[in-house]
Amino acid sequence: MTALWDHKGIEHHARLVEAINPYNPLALRYLEPLQATGLSAEQALLQVDRTITTQSFLLSTNAVFCISGLLMLALIGLIWWAKPPFTVRAVGD
């Protein structure tokens, strides 16, 4: 599960970082206040990367919980249809 969580975190990080470029007005609108507080362009991008990393691992956690839930539902169905391996005998038999 940890490997799946890490892999999904990396996957979500890669997808979210694609939107950070100089041609995206939303990315520029997010970076401007960071630079207005005194951060350099590089420091502002590092702050955005930190935020994206946090959010990507949150999305990864959601995906792992969803997969775990579906697995549990599948196992409940499997147990429901399974036959018991033995029958219980009465004490006097």
PDB file of N, CA and C in Angstrom:
ATOM      1  N   MET A   1       0.816  -1.187   0.000  1.00  0.00           N
ATOM      2  CA  MET A   1       0.000   0.000   0.000  1.00  0.00           C
ATOM      3  C   MET A   1       0.865   1.259   0.000  1.00  0.00           C
ATOM      4  N   THR A   2       1.983   1.196   0.701  1.00  0.00           N
ATOM      5  CA  THR A   2       2.864   2.366   0.723  1.00  0.00           C
ATOM      6  C   THR A   2       3.431   2.643  -0.661  1.00  0.00           C
ATOM      7  N   ALA A   3       3.798   1.586  -1.365  1.00  0.00           N
ATOM      8  CA  ALA A   3       4.335   1.763  -2.722  1.00  0.00           C
ATOM      9  C   ALA A   3       3.262   2.331  -3.648  1.00  0.00           C
ATOM     10  N   LEU A   4       2.029   1.854  -3.510  1.00  0.00           N
ATOM     11  CA  LEU A   4       0.923   2.376  -4.322  1.00  0.00           C
ATOM     12  C   LEU A   4       0.679   3.849  -3.985  1.00  0.00           C
ATOM     13  N   TRP A   5       0.689   4.180  -2.693  1.00  0.00           N
ATOM     14  CA  TRP A   5       0.488   5.562  -2.261  1.00  0.00           C
ATOM     15  C   TRP A   5       1.572   6.474  -2.834  1.00  0.00           C
ATOM     16  N   ASP A   6       2.819   6.016  -2.768  1.00  0.00           N
ATOM     17  CA  ASP A   6       3.935   6.811  -3.287  1.00  0.00           C
ATOM     18  C   ASP A   6       3.833   6.973  -4.803  1.00  0.00           C
ATOM     19  N   HIS A   7       3.503   5.893  -5.494  1.00  0.00           N
ATOM     20  CA  HIS A   7       3.386   5.944  -6.964  1.00  0.00           C
ATOM     21  C   HIS A   7       2.261   6.893  -7.376  1.00  0.00           C
ATOM     22  N   LYS A   8       1.131   6.795  -6.710  1.00  0.00           N
ATOM     23  CA  LYS A   8       0.009   7.682  -7.030  1.00  0.00           C
ATOM     24  C   LYS A   8       0.359   9.134  -6.698  1.00  0.00           C
ATOM     25  N   GLY A   9       1.108   9.352  -5.619  1.00  0.00           N
ATOM     26  CA  GLY A   9       1.531  10.705  -5.274  1.00  0.00           C
ATOM     27  C   GLY A   9       2.405  11.313  -6.359  1.00  0.00           C
ATOM     28  N   ILE A  10       3.318  10.523  -6.874  1.00  0.00           N
ATOM     29  CA  ILE A  10       4.192  10.997  -7.954  1.00  0.00           C
ATOM     30  C   ILE A  10       3.377  11.271  -9.218  1.00  0.00           C
ATOM     31  N   GLU A  11       2.434  10.388  -9.504  1.00  0.00           N
ATOM     32  CA  GLU A  11       1.582  10.561 -10.689  1.00  0.00           C
ATOM     33  C   GLU A  11       0.748  11.847 -10.583  1.00  0.00           C
ATOM     34  N   HIS A  12       0.130  12.078  -9.426  1.00  0.00           N
ATOM     35  CA  HIS A  12      -0.674  13.291  -9.252  1.00  0.00           C
ATOM     36  C   HIS A  12       0.212  14.539  -9.276  1.00  0.00           C
ATOM     37  N   HIS A  13       1.403  14.445  -8.716  1.00  0.00           N
ATOM     38  CA  HIS A  13       2.317  15.589  -8.735  1.00  0.00           C
ATOM     39  C   HIS A  13       2.665  15.960 -10.179  1.00  0.00           C
ATOM     40  N   ALA A  14       2.947  14.964 -10.990  1.00  0.00           N
ATOM     41  CA  ALA A  14       3.299  15.227 -12.388  1.00  0.00           C
ATOM     42  C   ALA A  14       2.134  15.888 -13.133  1.00  0.00           C
ATOM     43  N   ARG A  15       0.924  15.438 -12.854  1.00  0.00           N
ATOM     44  CA  ARG A  15      -0.235  16.024 -13.533  1.00  0.00           C
ATOM     45  C   ARG A  15      -0.499  17.456 -13.073  1.00  0.00           C
ATOM     46  N   LEU A  16      -0.327  17.712 -11.775  1.00  0.00           N
ATOM     47  CA  LEU A  16      -0.589  19.059 -11.270  1.00  0.00           C
ATOM     48  C   LEU A  16       0.483  20.055 -11.711  1.00  0.00           C
ATOM     49  N   VAL A  17       1.720  19.604 -11.807  1.00  0.00           N
ATOM     50  CA  VAL A  17       2.818  20.501 -12.199  1.00  0.00           C
ATOM     51  C   VAL A  17       2.694  20.934 -13.663  1.00  0.00           C
ATOM     52  N   GLU A  18       2.022  20.129 -14.471  1.00  0.00           N
ATOM     53  CA  GLU A  18       1.861  20.488 -15.888  1.00  0.00           C
ATOM     54  C   GLU A  18       1.185  21.836 -16.062  1.00  0.00           C
ATOM     55  N   ALA A  19       0.343  22.214 -15.101  1.00  0.00           N
ATOM     56  CA  ALA A  19      -0.408  23.464 -15.235  1.00  0.00           C
ATOM     57  C   ALA A  19       0.407  24.692 -14.843  1.00  0.00           C
ATOM     58  N   ILE A  20       1.571  24.506 -14.244  1.00  0.00           N
ATOM     59  CA  ILE A  20       2.390  25.649 -13.819  1.00  0.00           C
ATOM     60  C   ILE A  20       3.352  25.992 -14.948  1.00  0.00           C
ATOM     61  N   ASN A  21       2.998  27.032 -15.683  1.00  0.00           N
ATOM     62  CA  ASN A  21       3.851  27.524 -16.763  1.00  0.00           C
ATOM     63  C   ASN A  21       3.580  29.011 -16.955  1.00  0.00           C
ATOM     64  N   PRO A  22       4.467  29.707 -17.652  1.00  0.00           N
ATOM     65  CA  PRO A  22       4.293  31.159 -17.797  1.00  0.00           C
ATOM     66  C   PRO A  22       3.103  31.559 -18.664  1.00  0.00           C
ATOM     67  N   TYR A  23       2.454  30.609 -19.320  1.00  0.00           N
ATOM     68  CA  TYR A  23       1.325  30.916 -20.191  1.00  0.00           C
ATOM     69  C   TYR A  23      -0.022  30.676 -19.511  1.00  0.00           C
ATOM     70  N   ASN A  24       0.011  30.190 -18.286  1.00  0.00           N
ATOM     71  CA  ASN A  24      -1.224  29.925 -17.547  1.00  0.00           C
ATOM     72  C   ASN A  24      -1.534  31.116 -16.642  1.00  0.00           C
ATOM     73  N   PRO A  25      -2.621  31.854 -16.911  1.00  0.00           N
ATOM     74  CA  PRO A  25      -2.914  33.040 -16.094  1.00  0.00           C
ATOM     75  C   PRO A  25      -3.232  32.688 -14.635  1.00  0.00           C
ATOM     76  N   LEU A  26      -3.786  31.524 -14.377  1.00  0.00           N
ATOM     77  CA  LEU A  26      -4.075  31.136 -12.997  1.00  0.00           C
ATOM     78  C   LEU A  26      -2.788  30.905 -12.211  1.00  0.00           C
ATOM     79  N   ALA A  27      -1.806  30.308 -12.867  1.00  0.00           N
ATOM     80  CA  ALA A  27      -0.524  30.086 -12.198  1.00  0.00           C
ATOM     81  C   ALA A  27       0.161  31.419 -11.898  1.00  0.00           C
ATOM     82  N   LEU A  28       0.095  32.326 -12.847  1.00  0.00           N
ATOM     83  CA  LEU A  28       0.696  33.645 -12.636  1.00  0.00           C
ATOM     84  C   LEU A  28      -0.025  34.407 -11.523  1.00  0.00           C
ATOM     85  N   ARG A  29      -1.341  34.273 -11.461  1.00  0.00           N
ATOM     86  CA  ARG A  29      -2.111  34.944 -10.415  1.00  0.00           C
ATOM     87  C   ARG A  29      -1.777  34.364  -9.039  1.00  0.00           C
ATOM     88  N   TYR A  30      -1.413  33.087  -8.994  1.00  0.00           N
ATOM     89  CA  TYR A  30      -1.018  32.466  -7.724  1.00  0.00           C
ATOM     90  C   TYR A  30       0.398  32.892  -7.329  1.00  0.00           C
ATOM     91  N   LEU A  31       1.277  33.043  -8.312  1.00  0.00           N
ATOM     92  CA  LEU A  31       2.675  33.402  -8.032  1.00  0.00           C
ATOM     93  C   LEU A  31       2.862  34.878  -7.674  1.00  0.00           C
ATOM     94  N   GLU A  32       2.039  35.755  -8.216  1.00  0.00           N
ATOM     95  CA  GLU A  32       2.215  37.197  -7.983  1.00  0.00           C
ATOM     96  C   GLU A  32       2.164  37.579  -6.509  1.00  0.00           C
ATOM     97  N   PRO A  33       1.163  37.118  -5.730  1.00  0.00           N
ATOM     98  CA  PRO A  33       1.167  37.493  -4.304  1.00  0.00           C
ATOM     99  C   PRO A  33       2.359  36.918  -3.533  1.00  0.00           C
ATOM    100  N   LEU A  34       2.832  35.765  -3.954  1.00  0.00           N
ATOM    101  CA  LEU A  34       4.007  35.202  -3.292  1.00  0.00           C
ATOM    102  C   LEU A  34       5.228  36.081  -3.520  1.00  0.00           C
ATOM    103  N   GLN A  35       5.371  36.556  -4.745  1.00  0.00           N
ATOM    104  CA  GLN A  35       6.499  37.432  -5.048  1.00  0.00           C
ATOM    105  C   GLN A  35       6.314  38.813  -4.424  1.00  0.00           C
ATOM    106  N   ALA A  36       5.061  39.222  -4.221  1.00  0.00           N
ATOM    107  CA  ALA A  36       4.800  40.519  -3.598  1.00  0.00           C
ATOM    108  C   ALA A  36       5.180  40.506  -2.115  1.00  0.00           C
ATOM    109  N   THR A  37       5.212  39.328  -1.510  1.00  0.00           N
ATOM    110  CA  THR A  37       5.608  39.245  -0.094  1.00  0.00           C
ATOM    111  C   THR A  37       7.124  39.264   0.078  1.00  0.00           C
ATOM    112  N   GLY A  38       7.861  39.311  -1.016  1.00  0.00           N
ATOM    113  CA  GLY A  38       9.308  39.399  -0.920  1.00  0.00           C
ATOM    114  C   GLY A  38      10.045  38.154  -1.365  1.00  0.00           C
ATOM    115  N   LEU A  39       9.326  37.147  -1.797  1.00  0.00           N
ATOM    116  CA  LEU A  39       9.994  35.939  -2.285  1.00  0.00           C
ATOM    117  C   LEU A  39      10.513  36.169  -3.698  1.00  0.00           C
ATOM    118  N   SER A  40      11.648  35.588  -3.991  1.00  0.00           N
ATOM    119  CA  SER A  40      12.150  35.648  -5.362  1.00  0.00           C
ATOM    120  C   SER A  40      11.305  34.710  -6.224  1.00  0.00           C
ATOM    121  N   ALA A  41      11.504  34.763  -7.522  1.00  0.00           N
ATOM    122  CA  ALA A  41      10.741  33.897  -8.429  1.00  0.00           C
ATOM    123  C   ALA A  41      11.019  32.433  -8.128  1.00  0.00           C
ATOM    124  N   GLU A  42      12.277  32.123  -7.843  1.00  0.00           N
ATOM    125  CA  GLU A  42      12.640  30.738  -7.532  1.00  0.00           C
ATOM    126  C   GLU A  42      12.016  30.285  -6.211  1.00  0.00           C
ATOM    127  N   GLN A  43      12.033  31.143  -5.210  1.00  0.00           N
ATOM    128  CA  GLN A  43      11.435  30.802  -3.920  1.00  0.00           C
ATOM    129  C   GLN A  43       9.921  30.636  -4.042  1.00  0.00           C
ATOM    130  N   ALA A  44       9.290  31.465  -4.857  1.00  0.00           N
ATOM    131  CA  ALA A  44       7.843  31.346  -5.069  1.00  0.00           C
ATOM    132  C   ALA A  44       7.516  30.022  -5.749  1.00  0.00           C
ATOM    133  N   LEU A  45       8.328  29.634  -6.730  1.00  0.00           N
ATOM    134  CA  LEU A  45       8.098  28.350  -7.395  1.00  0.00           C
ATOM    135  C   LEU A  45       8.340  27.182  -6.455  1.00  0.00           C
ATOM    136  N   LEU A  46       9.307  27.304  -5.555  1.00  0.00           N
ATOM    137  CA  LEU A  46       9.530  26.251  -4.563  1.00  0.00           C
ATOM    138  C   LEU A  46       8.347  26.142  -3.607  1.00  0.00           C
ATOM    139  N   GLN A  47       7.768  27.274  -3.244  1.00  0.00           N
ATOM    140  CA  GLN A  47       6.579  27.254  -2.391  1.00  0.00           C
ATOM    141  C   GLN A  47       5.406  26.597  -3.114  1.00  0.00           C
ATOM    142  N   VAL A  48       5.237  26.894  -4.382  1.00  0.00           N
ATOM    143  CA  VAL A  48       4.178  26.265  -5.180  1.00  0.00           C
ATOM    144  C   VAL A  48       4.434  24.768  -5.286  1.00  0.00           C
ATOM    145  N   ASP A  49       5.684  24.380  -5.478  1.00  0.00           N
ATOM    146  CA  ASP A  49       6.013  22.953  -5.557  1.00  0.00           C
ATOM    147  C   ASP A  49       5.687  22.248  -4.245  1.00  0.00           C
ATOM    148  N   ARG A  50       5.970  22.896  -3.131  1.00  0.00           N
ATOM    149  CA  ARG A  50       5.651  22.319  -1.826  1.00  0.00           C
ATOM    150  C   ARG A  50       4.139  22.134  -1.671  1.00  0.00           C
ATOM    151  N   THR A  51       3.382  23.140  -2.103  1.00  0.00           N
ATOM    152  CA  THR A  51       1.921  23.051  -2.036  1.00  0.00           C
ATOM    153  C   THR A  51       1.408  21.939  -2.942  1.00  0.00           C
ATOM    154  N   ILE A  52       1.956  21.841  -4.136  1.00  0.00           N
ATOM    155  CA  ILE A  52       1.541  20.796  -5.079  1.00  0.00           C
ATOM    156  C   ILE A  52       1.881  19.417  -4.528  1.00  0.00           C
ATOM    157  N   THR A  53       3.037  19.269  -3.902  1.00  0.00           N
ATOM    158  CA  THR A  53       3.410  17.983  -3.308  1.00  0.00           C
ATOM    159  C   THR A  53       2.419  17.580  -2.229  1.00  0.00           C
ATOM    160  N   THR A  54       2.047  18.530  -1.383  1.00  0.00           N
ATOM    161  CA  THR A  54       1.069  18.248  -0.327  1.00  0.00           C
ATOM    162  C   THR A  54      -0.262  17.813  -0.928  1.00  0.00           C
ATOM    163  N   GLN A  55      -0.727  18.546  -1.913  1.00  0.00           N
ATOM    164  CA  GLN A  55      -2.013  18.232  -2.520  1.00  0.00           C
ATOM    165  C   GLN A  55      -1.975  16.917  -3.307  1.00  0.00           C
ATOM    166  N   SER A  56      -0.847  16.620  -3.933  1.00  0.00           N
ATOM    167  CA  SER A  56      -0.764  15.381  -4.699  1.00  0.00           C
ATOM    168  C   SER A  56      -0.798  14.160  -3.794  1.00  0.00           C
ATOM    169  N   PHE A  57      -0.175  14.256  -2.621  1.00  0.00           N
ATOM    170  CA  PHE A  57      -0.231  13.117  -1.707  1.00  0.00           C
ATOM    171  C   PHE A  57      -1.583  13.015  -1.004  1.00  0.00           C
ATOM    172  N   LEU A  58      -2.294  14.123  -0.890  1.00  0.00           N
ATOM    173  CA  LEU A  58      -3.672  14.049  -0.397  1.00  0.00           C
ATOM    174  C   LEU A  58      -4.553  13.325  -1.417  1.00  0.00           C
ATOM    175  N   LEU A  59      -4.404  13.658  -2.688  1.00  0.00           N
ATOM    176  CA  LEU A  59      -5.139  12.947  -3.744  1.00  0.00           C
ATOM    177  C   LEU A  59      -4.740  11.479  -3.789  1.00  0.00           C
ATOM    178  N   SER A  60      -3.477  11.202  -3.553  1.00  0.00           N
ATOM    179  CA  SER A  60      -2.991   9.828  -3.518  1.00  0.00           C
ATOM    180  C   SER A  60      -3.635   9.051  -2.380  1.00  0.00           C
ATOM    181  N   THR A  61      -3.770   9.691  -1.220  1.00  0.00           N
ATOM    182  CA  THR A  61      -4.426   9.048  -0.084  1.00  0.00           C
ATOM    183  C   THR A  61      -5.876   8.720  -0.411  1.00  0.00           C
ATOM    184  N   ASN A  62      -6.562   9.648  -1.067  1.00  0.00           N
ATOM    185  CA  ASN A  62      -7.942   9.383  -1.481  1.00  0.00           C
ATOM    186  C   ASN A  62      -8.016   8.185  -2.419  1.00  0.00           C
ATOM    187  N   ALA A  63      -7.094   8.097  -3.359  1.00  0.00           N
ATOM    188  CA  ALA A  63      -7.104   6.986  -4.311  1.00  0.00           C
ATOM    189  C   ALA A  63      -6.841   5.656  -3.604  1.00  0.00           C
ATOM    190  N   VAL A  64      -5.907   5.636  -2.683  1.00  0.00           N
ATOM    191  CA  VAL A  64      -5.598   4.396  -1.959  1.00  0.00           C
ATOM    192  C   VAL A  64      -6.785   3.960  -1.112  1.00  0.00           C
ATOM    193  N   PHE A  65      -7.452   4.903  -0.447  1.00  0.00           N
ATOM    194  CA  PHE A  65      -8.632   4.550   0.340  1.00  0.00           C
ATOM    195  C   PHE A  65      -9.753   4.030  -0.544  1.00  0.00           C
ATOM    196  N   CYS A  66      -9.918   4.608  -1.710  1.00  0.00           N
ATOM    197  CA  CYS A  66     -10.945   4.145  -2.643  1.00  0.00           C
ATOM    198  C   CYS A  66     -10.637   2.728  -3.111  1.00  0.00           C
ATOM    199  N   ILE A  67      -9.397   2.461  -3.468  1.00  0.00           N
ATOM    200  CA  ILE A  67      -8.993   1.118  -3.895  1.00  0.00           C
ATOM    201  C   ILE A  67      -9.168   0.125  -2.754  1.00  0.00           C
ATOM    202  N   SER A  68      -8.806   0.527  -1.537  1.00  0.00           N
ATOM    203  CA  SER A  68      -8.963  -0.351  -0.372  1.00  0.00           C
ATOM    204  C   SER A  68     -10.435  -0.656  -0.113  1.00  0.00           C
ATOM    205  N   GLY A  69     -11.279   0.342  -0.248  1.00  0.00           N
ATOM    206  CA  GLY A  69     -12.713   0.144  -0.052  1.00  0.00           C
ATOM    207  C   GLY A  69     -13.299  -0.815  -1.068  1.00  0.00           C
ATOM    208  N   LEU A  70     -12.913  -0.646  -2.324  1.00  0.00           N
ATOM    209  CA  LEU A  70     -13.395  -1.560  -3.364  1.00  0.00           C
ATOM    210  C   LEU A  70     -12.895  -2.980  -3.130  1.00  0.00           C
ATOM    211  N   LEU A  71     -11.673  -3.108  -2.672  1.00  0.00           N
ATOM    212  CA  LEU A  71     -11.127  -4.427  -2.351  1.00  0.00           C
ATOM    213  C   LEU A  71     -11.906  -5.069  -1.207  1.00  0.00           C
ATOM    214  N   MET A  72     -12.232  -4.295  -0.188  1.00  0.00           N
ATOM    215  CA  MET A  72     -13.006  -4.827   0.941  1.00  0.00           C
ATOM    216  C   MET A  72     -14.399  -5.260   0.492  1.00  0.00           C
ATOM    217  N   LEU A  73     -15.037  -4.475  -0.359  1.00  0.00           N
ATOM    218  CA  LEU A  73     -16.351  -4.864  -0.875  1.00  0.00           C
ATOM    219  C   LEU A  73     -16.270  -6.156  -1.681  1.00  0.00           C
ATOM    220  N   ALA A  74     -15.225  -6.288  -2.479  1.00  0.00           N
ATOM    221  CA  ALA A  74     -15.046  -7.521  -3.248  1.00  0.00           C
ATOM    222  C   ALA A  74     -14.830  -8.714  -2.323  1.00  0.00           C
ATOM    223  N   LEU A  75     -14.075  -8.525  -1.257  1.00  0.00           N
ATOM    224  CA  LEU A  75     -13.831  -9.617  -0.313  1.00  0.00           C
ATOM    225  C   LEU A  75     -15.094  -9.982   0.465  1.00  0.00           C
ATOM    226  N   ILE A  76     -15.934  -9.004   0.768  1.00  0.00           N
ATOM    227  CA  ILE A  76     -17.206  -9.302   1.432  1.00  0.00           C
ATOM    228  C   ILE A  76     -18.054 -10.191   0.532  1.00  0.00           C
ATOM    229  N   GLY A  77     -18.098  -9.865  -0.750  1.00  0.00           N
ATOM    230  CA  GLY A  77     -18.838 -10.699  -1.702  1.00  0.00           C
ATOM    231  C   GLY A  77     -18.269 -12.097  -1.783  1.00  0.00           C
ATOM    232  N   LEU A  78     -16.973 -12.216  -1.767  1.00  0.00           N
ATOM    233  CA  LEU A  78     -16.329 -13.530  -1.836  1.00  0.00           C
ATOM    234  C   LEU A  78     -16.650 -14.348  -0.587  1.00  0.00           C
ATOM    235  N   ILE A  79     -16.610 -13.731   0.567  1.00  0.00           N
ATOM    236  CA  ILE A  79     -16.915 -14.431   1.816  1.00  0.00           C
ATOM    237  C   ILE A  79     -18.396 -14.816   1.854  1.00  0.00           C
ATOM    238  N   TRP A  80     -19.256 -13.984   1.321  1.00  0.00           N
ATOM    239  CA  TRP A  80     -20.691 -14.256   1.324  1.00  0.00           C
ATOM    240  C   TRP A  80     -21.014 -15.546   0.581  1.00  0.00           C
ATOM    241  N   TRP A  81     -20.332 -15.789  -0.525  1.00  0.00           N
ATOM    242  CA  TRP A  81     -20.614 -16.976  -1.337  1.00  0.00           C
ATOM    243  C   TRP A  81     -19.775 -18.194  -0.964  1.00  0.00           C
ATOM    244  N   ALA A  82     -18.836 -18.046  -0.083  1.00  0.00           N
ATOM    245  CA  ALA A  82     -17.977 -19.175   0.299  1.00  0.00           C
ATOM    246  C   ALA A  82     -18.767 -20.150   1.180  1.00  0.00           C
ATOM    247  N   LYS A  83     -18.522 -21.436   0.979  1.00  0.00           N
ATOM    248  CA  LYS A  83     -19.155 -22.459   1.818  1.00  0.00           C
ATOM    249  C   LYS A  83     -18.297 -22.659   3.061  1.00  0.00           C
ATOM    250  N   PRO A  84     -18.942 -22.945   4.174  1.00  0.00           N
ATOM    251  CA  PRO A  84     -18.135 -23.215   5.367  1.00  0.00           C
ATOM    252  C   PRO A  84     -17.341 -24.507   5.177  1.00  0.00           C
ATOM    253  N   PRO A  85     -16.133 -24.588   5.721  1.00  0.00           N
ATOM    254  CA  PRO A  85     -15.281 -25.750   5.489  1.00  0.00           C
ATOM    255  C   PRO A  85     -15.712 -26.990   6.268  1.00  0.00           C
ATOM    256  N   PHE A  86     -16.530 -26.826   7.273  1.00  0.00           N
ATOM    257  CA  PHE A  86     -16.959 -27.969   8.084  1.00  0.00           C
ATOM    258  C   PHE A  86     -18.296 -27.647   8.725  1.00  0.00           C
ATOM    259  N   THR A  87     -18.937 -28.673   9.279  1.00  0.00           N
ATOM    260  CA  THR A  87     -20.184 -28.460  10.020  1.00  0.00           C
ATOM    261  C   THR A  87     -19.905 -28.704  11.495  1.00  0.00           C
ATOM    262  N   VAL A  88     -20.644 -28.062  12.320  1.00  0.00           N
ATOM    263  CA  VAL A  88     -20.472 -28.190  13.767  1.00  0.00           C
ATOM    264  C   VAL A  88     -21.286 -29.392  14.249  1.00  0.00           C
ATOM    265  N   ARG A  89     -20.650 -30.284  15.002  1.00  0.00           N
ATOM    266  CA  ARG A  89     -21.338 -31.445  15.566  1.00  0.00           C
ATOM    267  C   ARG A  89     -21.847 -31.137  16.958  1.00  0.00           C
ATOM    268  N   ALA A  90     -22.892 -31.828  17.327  1.00  0.00           N
ATOM    269  CA  ALA A  90     -23.428 -31.674  18.676  1.00  0.00           C
ATOM    270  C   ALA A  90     -22.487 -32.345  19.648  1.00  0.00           C
ATOM    271  N   VAL A  91     -22.491 -31.953  20.908  1.00  0.00           N
ATOM    272  CA  VAL A  91     -21.570 -32.460  21.912  1.00  0.00           C
ATOM    273  C   VAL A  91     -21.825 -33.930  22.197  1.00  0.00           C
ATOM    274  N   GLY A  92     -23.062 -34.404  22.196  1.00  0.00           N
ATOM    275  CA  GLY A  92     -23.388 -35.782  22.532  1.00  0.00           C
ATOM    276  C   GLY A  92     -23.131 -36.780  21.403  1.00  0.00           C
ATOM    277  N   ASP A  93     -22.783 -36.357  20.230  1.00  0.00           N
ATOM    278  CA  ASP A  93     -22.608 -37.288  19.094  1.00  0.00           C
ATOM    279  C   ASP A  93     -21.307 -37.998  19.121  1.00  0.00           C
TER     280      ASP A  93
END
